[in-house]
Amino acid sequence: FLKLSCVVLVCMVVVGAHTAEAITCGQVQ
């Protein structure tokens, strides 16, 4: 369970970091 929790946490951090860098129309404008 602890290993699974760590994997889920790492996945959330990686996905969160990627989406935080996405460009928005507001930035383009």
PDB file of all heavy atoms in Angstrom:
ATOM      1  N   PHE A   1       0.831  -1.189   0.000  1.00  0.00           N
ATOM      2  CA  PHE A   1       0.000   0.000   0.000  1.00  0.00           C
ATOM      3  C   PHE A   1       0.875   1.251   0.000  1.00  0.00           C
ATOM      4  O   PHE A   1       0.591   2.207  -0.710  1.00  0.00           O
ATOM      5  CB  PHE A   1      -0.946   0.001   1.216  1.00  0.00           C
ATOM      6  CG  PHE A   1      -1.763   1.251   1.312  1.00  0.00           C
ATOM      7  CD1 PHE A   1      -2.836   1.463   0.444  1.00  0.00           C
ATOM      8  CD2 PHE A   1      -1.460   2.233   2.248  1.00  0.00           C
ATOM      9  CE1 PHE A   1      -3.584   2.625   0.521  1.00  0.00           C
ATOM     10  CE2 PHE A   1      -2.202   3.387   2.325  1.00  0.00           C
ATOM     11  CZ  PHE A   1      -3.271   3.589   1.461  1.00  0.00           C
ATOM     12  N   LEU A   2       1.942   1.224   0.780  1.00  0.00           N
ATOM     13  CA  LEU A   2       2.864   2.361   0.841  1.00  0.00           C
ATOM     14  C   LEU A   2       3.539   2.576  -0.512  1.00  0.00           C
ATOM     15  O   LEU A   2       3.647   3.709  -0.982  1.00  0.00           O
ATOM     16  CB  LEU A   2       3.916   2.129   1.938  1.00  0.00           C
ATOM     17  CG  LEU A   2       4.894   3.264   2.186  1.00  0.00           C
ATOM     18  CD1 LEU A   2       4.159   4.559   2.515  1.00  0.00           C
ATOM     19  CD2 LEU A   2       5.835   2.901   3.302  1.00  0.00           C
ATOM     20  N   LYS A   3       3.952   1.481  -1.168  1.00  0.00           N
ATOM     21  CA  LYS A   3       4.575   1.594  -2.494  1.00  0.00           C
ATOM     22  C   LYS A   3       3.576   2.167  -3.503  1.00  0.00           C
ATOM     23  O   LYS A   3       3.917   3.033  -4.300  1.00  0.00           O
ATOM     24  CB  LYS A   3       5.072   0.229  -2.967  1.00  0.00           C
ATOM     25  CG  LYS A   3       6.313  -0.245  -2.269  1.00  0.00           C
ATOM     26  CD  LYS A   3       6.735  -1.599  -2.812  1.00  0.00           C
ATOM     27  CE  LYS A   3       7.898  -2.157  -1.996  1.00  0.00           C
ATOM     28  NZ  LYS A   3       8.295  -3.480  -2.471  1.00  0.00           N
ATOM     29  N   LEU A   4       2.355   1.674  -3.457  1.00  0.00           N
ATOM     30  CA  LEU A   4       1.327   2.162  -4.370  1.00  0.00           C
ATOM     31  C   LEU A   4       1.057   3.649  -4.125  1.00  0.00           C
ATOM     32  O   LEU A   4       0.934   4.429  -5.072  1.00  0.00           O
ATOM     33  CB  LEU A   4       0.037   1.358  -4.207  1.00  0.00           C
ATOM     34  CG  LEU A   4      -1.139   1.798  -5.080  1.00  0.00           C
ATOM     35  CD1 LEU A   4      -0.791   1.652  -6.557  1.00  0.00           C
ATOM     36  CD2 LEU A   4      -2.376   0.989  -4.741  1.00  0.00           C
ATOM     37  N   SER A   5       1.001   4.042  -2.879  1.00  0.00           N
ATOM     38  CA  SER A   5       0.780   5.452  -2.543  1.00  0.00           C
ATOM     39  C   SER A   5       1.905   6.322  -3.084  1.00  0.00           C
ATOM     40  O   SER A   5       1.667   7.412  -3.613  1.00  0.00           O
ATOM     41  CB  SER A   5       0.682   5.633  -1.029  1.00  0.00           C
ATOM     42  OG  SER A   5      -0.435   4.944  -0.531  1.00  0.00           O
ATOM     43  N   CYS A   6       3.136   5.841  -2.970  1.00  0.00           N
ATOM     44  CA  CYS A   6       4.287   6.593  -3.487  1.00  0.00           C
ATOM     45  C   CYS A   6       4.215   6.714  -5.005  1.00  0.00           C
ATOM     46  O   CYS A   6       4.492   7.780  -5.557  1.00  0.00           O
ATOM     47  CB  CYS A   6       5.594   5.924  -3.081  1.00  0.00           C
ATOM     48  SG  CYS A   6       5.971   6.129  -1.337  1.00  0.00           S
ATOM     49  N   VAL A   7       3.837   5.648  -5.690  1.00  0.00           N
ATOM     50  CA  VAL A   7       3.721   5.683  -7.154  1.00  0.00           C
ATOM     51  C   VAL A   7       2.642   6.683  -7.566  1.00  0.00           C
ATOM     52  O   VAL A   7       2.842   7.483  -8.482  1.00  0.00           O
ATOM     53  CB  VAL A   7       3.425   4.271  -7.711  1.00  0.00           C
ATOM     54  CG1 VAL A   7       3.029   4.328  -9.174  1.00  0.00           C
ATOM     55  CG2 VAL A   7       4.629   3.366  -7.523  1.00  0.00           C
ATOM     56  N   VAL A   8       1.503   6.644  -6.902  1.00  0.00           N
ATOM     57  CA  VAL A   8       0.419   7.571  -7.207  1.00  0.00           C
ATOM     58  C   VAL A   8       0.871   9.010  -6.970  1.00  0.00           C
ATOM     59  O   VAL A   8       0.623   9.903  -7.786  1.00  0.00           O
ATOM     60  CB  VAL A   8      -0.845   7.240  -6.381  1.00  0.00           C
ATOM     61  CG1 VAL A   8      -1.886   8.344  -6.484  1.00  0.00           C
ATOM     62  CG2 VAL A   8      -1.422   5.904  -6.819  1.00  0.00           C
ATOM     63  N   LEU A   9       1.564   9.251  -5.877  1.00  0.00           N
ATOM     64  CA  LEU A   9       2.055  10.587  -5.561  1.00  0.00           C
ATOM     65  C   LEU A   9       3.030  11.076  -6.625  1.00  0.00           C
ATOM     66  O   LEU A   9       2.932  12.216  -7.096  1.00  0.00           O
ATOM     67  CB  LEU A   9       2.713  10.607  -4.176  1.00  0.00           C
ATOM     68  CG  LEU A   9       3.278  11.956  -3.727  1.00  0.00           C
ATOM     69  CD1 LEU A   9       2.159  12.989  -3.639  1.00  0.00           C
ATOM     70  CD2 LEU A   9       3.976  11.810  -2.395  1.00  0.00           C
ATOM     71  N   VAL A  10       3.956  10.226  -7.049  1.00  0.00           N
ATOM     72  CA  VAL A  10       4.922  10.603  -8.081  1.00  0.00           C
ATOM     73  C   VAL A  10       4.196  10.932  -9.383  1.00  0.00           C
ATOM     74  O   VAL A  10       4.503  11.917 -10.053  1.00  0.00           O
ATOM     75  CB  VAL A  10       5.985   9.494  -8.287  1.00  0.00           C
ATOM     76  CG1 VAL A  10       6.799   9.733  -9.545  1.00  0.00           C
ATOM     77  CG2 VAL A  10       6.888   9.405  -7.069  1.00  0.00           C
ATOM     78  N   CYS A  11       3.213  10.115  -9.753  1.00  0.00           N
ATOM     79  CA  CYS A  11       2.439  10.364 -10.974  1.00  0.00           C
ATOM     80  C   CYS A  11       1.710  11.705 -10.901  1.00  0.00           C
ATOM     81  O   CYS A  11       1.681  12.459 -11.873  1.00  0.00           O
ATOM     82  CB  CYS A  11       1.437   9.249 -11.220  1.00  0.00           C
ATOM     83  SG  CYS A  11       2.208   7.705 -11.750  1.00  0.00           S
ATOM     84  N   MET A  12       1.156  12.012  -9.737  1.00  0.00           N
ATOM     85  CA  MET A  12       0.457  13.281  -9.577  1.00  0.00           C
ATOM     86  C   MET A  12       1.410  14.457  -9.713  1.00  0.00           C
ATOM     87  O   MET A  12       1.085  15.460 -10.342  1.00  0.00           O
ATOM     88  CB  MET A  12      -0.262  13.321  -8.218  1.00  0.00           C
ATOM     89  CG  MET A  12      -1.456  12.393  -8.149  1.00  0.00           C
ATOM     90  SD  MET A  12      -2.172  12.261  -6.497  1.00  0.00           S
ATOM     91  CE  MET A  12      -2.614  13.940  -6.158  1.00  0.00           C
ATOM     92  N   VAL A  13       2.597  14.330  -9.170  1.00  0.00           N
ATOM     93  CA  VAL A  13       3.587  15.406  -9.257  1.00  0.00           C
ATOM     94  C   VAL A  13       4.017  15.605 -10.703  1.00  0.00           C
ATOM     95  O   VAL A  13       4.094  16.726 -11.200  1.00  0.00           O
ATOM     96  CB  VAL A  13       4.803  15.112  -8.348  1.00  0.00           C
ATOM     97  CG1 VAL A  13       5.942  16.067  -8.645  1.00  0.00           C
ATOM     98  CG2 VAL A  13       4.394  15.192  -6.891  1.00  0.00           C
ATOM     99  N   VAL A  14       4.279  14.503 -11.420  1.00  0.00           N
ATOM    100  CA  VAL A  14       4.707  14.601 -12.815  1.00  0.00           C
ATOM    101  C   VAL A  14       3.601  15.208 -13.671  1.00  0.00           C
ATOM    102  O   VAL A  14       3.837  16.123 -14.451  1.00  0.00           O
ATOM    103  CB  VAL A  14       5.130  13.215 -13.357  1.00  0.00           C
ATOM    104  CG1 VAL A  14       5.314  13.252 -14.866  1.00  0.00           C
ATOM    105  CG2 VAL A  14       6.404  12.760 -12.675  1.00  0.00           C
ATOM    106  N   VAL A  15       2.380  14.735 -13.532  1.00  0.00           N
ATOM    107  CA  VAL A  15       1.266  15.270 -14.313  1.00  0.00           C
ATOM    108  C   VAL A  15       1.001  16.720 -13.927  1.00  0.00           C
ATOM    109  O   VAL A  15       0.798  17.566 -14.784  1.00  0.00           O
ATOM    110  CB  VAL A  15      -0.005  14.406 -14.132  1.00  0.00           C
ATOM    111  CG1 VAL A  15      -1.228  15.085 -14.719  1.00  0.00           C
ATOM    112  CG2 VAL A  15       0.201  13.044 -14.769  1.00  0.00           C
ATOM    113  N   GLY A  16       1.027  17.029 -12.674  1.00  0.00           N
ATOM    114  CA  GLY A  16       0.811  18.400 -12.215  1.00  0.00           C
ATOM    115  C   GLY A  16       1.872  19.345 -12.728  1.00  0.00           C
ATOM    116  O   GLY A  16       1.574  20.457 -13.145  1.00  0.00           O
ATOM    117  N   ALA A  17       3.115  18.905 -12.760  1.00  0.00           N
ATOM    118  CA  ALA A  17       4.193  19.751 -13.267  1.00  0.00           C
ATOM    119  C   ALA A  17       4.019  19.997 -14.752  1.00  0.00           C
ATOM    120  O   ALA A  17       4.254  21.092 -15.247  1.00  0.00           O
ATOM    121  CB  ALA A  17       5.540  19.097 -12.989  1.00  0.00           C
ATOM    122  N   HIS A  18       3.587  18.981 -15.490  1.00  0.00           N
ATOM    123  CA  HIS A  18       3.408  19.146 -16.931  1.00  0.00           C
ATOM    124  C   HIS A  18       2.258  20.100 -17.235  1.00  0.00           C
ATOM    125  O   HIS A  18       2.384  20.971 -18.081  1.00  0.00           O
ATOM    126  CB  HIS A  18       3.161  17.791 -17.596  1.00  0.00           C
ATOM    127  CG  HIS A  18       2.906  17.913 -19.065  1.00  0.00           C
ATOM    128  ND1 HIS A  18       3.875  18.317 -19.946  1.00  0.00           N
ATOM    129  CD2 HIS A  18       1.782  17.736 -19.794  1.00  0.00           C
ATOM    130  CE1 HIS A  18       3.370  18.372 -21.160  1.00  0.00           C
ATOM    131  NE2 HIS A  18       2.102  18.012 -21.092  1.00  0.00           N
ATOM    132  N   THR A  19       1.140  19.953 -16.550  1.00  0.00           N
ATOM    133  CA  THR A  19      -0.002  20.809 -16.844  1.00  0.00           C
ATOM    134  C   THR A  19       0.245  22.235 -16.375  1.00  0.00           C
ATOM    135  O   THR A  19      -0.313  23.155 -16.948  1.00  0.00           O
ATOM    136  CB  THR A  19      -1.294  20.272 -16.203  1.00  0.00           C
ATOM    137  OG1 THR A  19      -1.110  20.145 -14.804  1.00  0.00           O
ATOM    138  CG2 THR A  19      -1.694  18.954 -16.808  1.00  0.00           C
ATOM    139  N   ALA A  20       1.086  22.432 -15.386  1.00  0.00           N
ATOM    140  CA  ALA A  20       1.367  23.781 -14.924  1.00  0.00           C
ATOM    141  C   ALA A  20       2.118  24.575 -15.977  1.00  0.00           C
ATOM    142  O   ALA A  20       2.054  25.795 -16.000  1.00  0.00           O
ATOM    143  CB  ALA A  20       2.169  23.738 -13.626  1.00  0.00           C
ATOM    144  N   GLU A  21       2.829  23.898 -16.883  1.00  0.00           N
ATOM    145  CA  GLU A  21       3.596  24.585 -17.904  1.00  0.00           C
ATOM    146  C   GLU A  21       2.792  24.839 -19.169  1.00  0.00           C
ATOM    147  O   GLU A  21       3.270  25.481 -20.085  1.00  0.00           O
ATOM    148  CB  GLU A  21       4.842  23.764 -18.246  1.00  0.00           C
ATOM    149  CG  GLU A  21       5.825  23.694 -17.099  1.00  0.00           C
ATOM    150  CD  GLU A  21       7.039  22.861 -17.441  1.00  0.00           C
ATOM    151  OE1 GLU A  21       7.361  22.721 -18.632  1.00  0.00           O
ATOM    152  OE2 GLU A  21       7.661  22.364 -16.515  1.00  0.00           O
ATOM    153  N   ALA A  22       1.576  24.324 -19.256  1.00  0.00           N
ATOM    154  CA  ALA A  22       0.770  24.490 -20.466  1.00  0.00           C
ATOM    155  C   ALA A  22       0.479  25.969 -20.690  1.00  0.00           C
ATOM    156  O   ALA A  22       0.254  26.721 -19.754  1.00  0.00           O
ATOM    157  CB  ALA A  22      -0.522  23.695 -20.350  1.00  0.00           C
ATOM    158  N   ILE A  23       0.484  26.354 -21.947  1.00  0.00           N
ATOM    159  CA  ILE A  23       0.221  27.746 -22.304  1.00  0.00           C
ATOM    160  C   ILE A  23      -1.283  27.975 -22.364  1.00  0.00           C
ATOM    161  O   ILE A  23      -2.051  27.055 -22.647  1.00  0.00           O
ATOM    162  CB  ILE A  23       0.914  28.081 -23.640  1.00  0.00           C
ATOM    163  CG1 ILE A  23       0.931  29.582 -23.872  1.00  0.00           C
ATOM    164  CG2 ILE A  23       0.314  27.322 -24.784  1.00  0.00           C
ATOM    165  CD1 ILE A  23       1.884  30.003 -24.959  1.00  0.00           C
ATOM    166  N   THR A  24      -1.709  29.187 -22.094  1.00  0.00           N
ATOM    167  CA  THR A  24      -3.129  29.530 -22.120  1.00  0.00           C
ATOM    168  C   THR A  24      -3.369  30.625 -23.163  1.00  0.00           C
ATOM    169  O   THR A  24      -2.434  31.335 -23.558  1.00  0.00           O
ATOM    170  CB  THR A  24      -3.607  30.039 -20.752  1.00  0.00           C
ATOM    171  OG1 THR A  24      -2.960  31.295 -20.482  1.00  0.00           O
ATOM    172  CG2 THR A  24      -3.318  29.040 -19.642  1.00  0.00           C
ATOM    173  N   CYS A  25      -4.612  30.783 -23.564  1.00  0.00           N
ATOM    174  CA  CYS A  25      -4.950  31.861 -24.499  1.00  0.00           C
ATOM    175  C   CYS A  25      -4.664  33.230 -23.881  1.00  0.00           C
ATOM    176  O   CYS A  25      -4.260  34.157 -24.583  1.00  0.00           O
ATOM    177  CB  CYS A  25      -6.414  31.765 -24.930  1.00  0.00           C
ATOM    178  SG  CYS A  25      -6.698  30.514 -26.198  1.00  0.00           S
ATOM    179  N   GLY A  26      -4.852  33.339 -22.589  1.00  0.00           N
ATOM    180  CA  GLY A  26      -4.528  34.600 -21.913  1.00  0.00           C
ATOM    181  C   GLY A  26      -3.057  34.951 -22.049  1.00  0.00           C
ATOM    182  O   GLY A  26      -2.702  36.115 -22.265  1.00  0.00           O
ATOM    183  N   GLN A  27      -2.180  33.943 -21.938  1.00  0.00           N
ATOM    184  CA  GLN A  27      -0.754  34.179 -22.107  1.00  0.00           C
ATOM    185  C   GLN A  27      -0.435  34.572 -23.545  1.00  0.00           C
ATOM    186  O   GLN A  27       0.388  35.449 -23.787  1.00  0.00           O
ATOM    187  CB  GLN A  27       0.045  32.936 -21.722  1.00  0.00           C
ATOM    188  CG  GLN A  27       0.031  32.643 -20.241  1.00  0.00           C
ATOM    189  CD  GLN A  27       0.604  31.268 -19.943  1.00  0.00           C
ATOM    190  OE1 GLN A  27       0.285  30.283 -20.604  1.00  0.00           O
ATOM    191  NE2 GLN A  27       1.456  31.205 -18.933  1.00  0.00           N
ATOM    192  N   VAL A  28      -1.085  33.902 -24.494  1.00  0.00           N
ATOM    193  CA  VAL A  28      -0.877  34.230 -25.906  1.00  0.00           C
ATOM    194  C   VAL A  28      -1.296  35.671 -26.161  1.00  0.00           C
ATOM    195  O   VAL A  28      -0.555  36.452 -26.781  1.00  0.00           O
ATOM    196  CB  VAL A  28      -1.644  33.246 -26.825  1.00  0.00           C
ATOM    197  CG1 VAL A  28      -1.618  33.708 -28.276  1.00  0.00           C
ATOM    198  CG2 VAL A  28      -1.079  31.841 -26.697  1.00  0.00           C
ATOM    199  N   GLN A  29      -2.459  36.040 -25.669  1.00  0.00           N
ATOM    200  CA  GLN A  29      -2.963  37.398 -25.886  1.00  0.00           C
ATOM    201  C   GLN A  29      -2.063  38.448 -25.257  1.00  0.00           C
ATOM    202  O   GLN A  29      -1.745  39.455 -25.881  1.00  0.00           O
ATOM    203  CB  GLN A  29      -4.383  37.525 -25.350  1.00  0.00           C
ATOM    204  CG  GLN A  29      -5.391  36.749 -26.164  1.00  0.00           C
ATOM    205  CD  GLN A  29      -6.757  36.687 -25.489  1.00  0.00           C
ATOM    206  OE1 GLN A  29      -6.938  37.089 -24.333  1.00  0.00           O
ATOM    207  NE2 GLN A  29      -7.732  36.161 -26.213  1.00  0.00           N
TER     208      GLN A  29
END
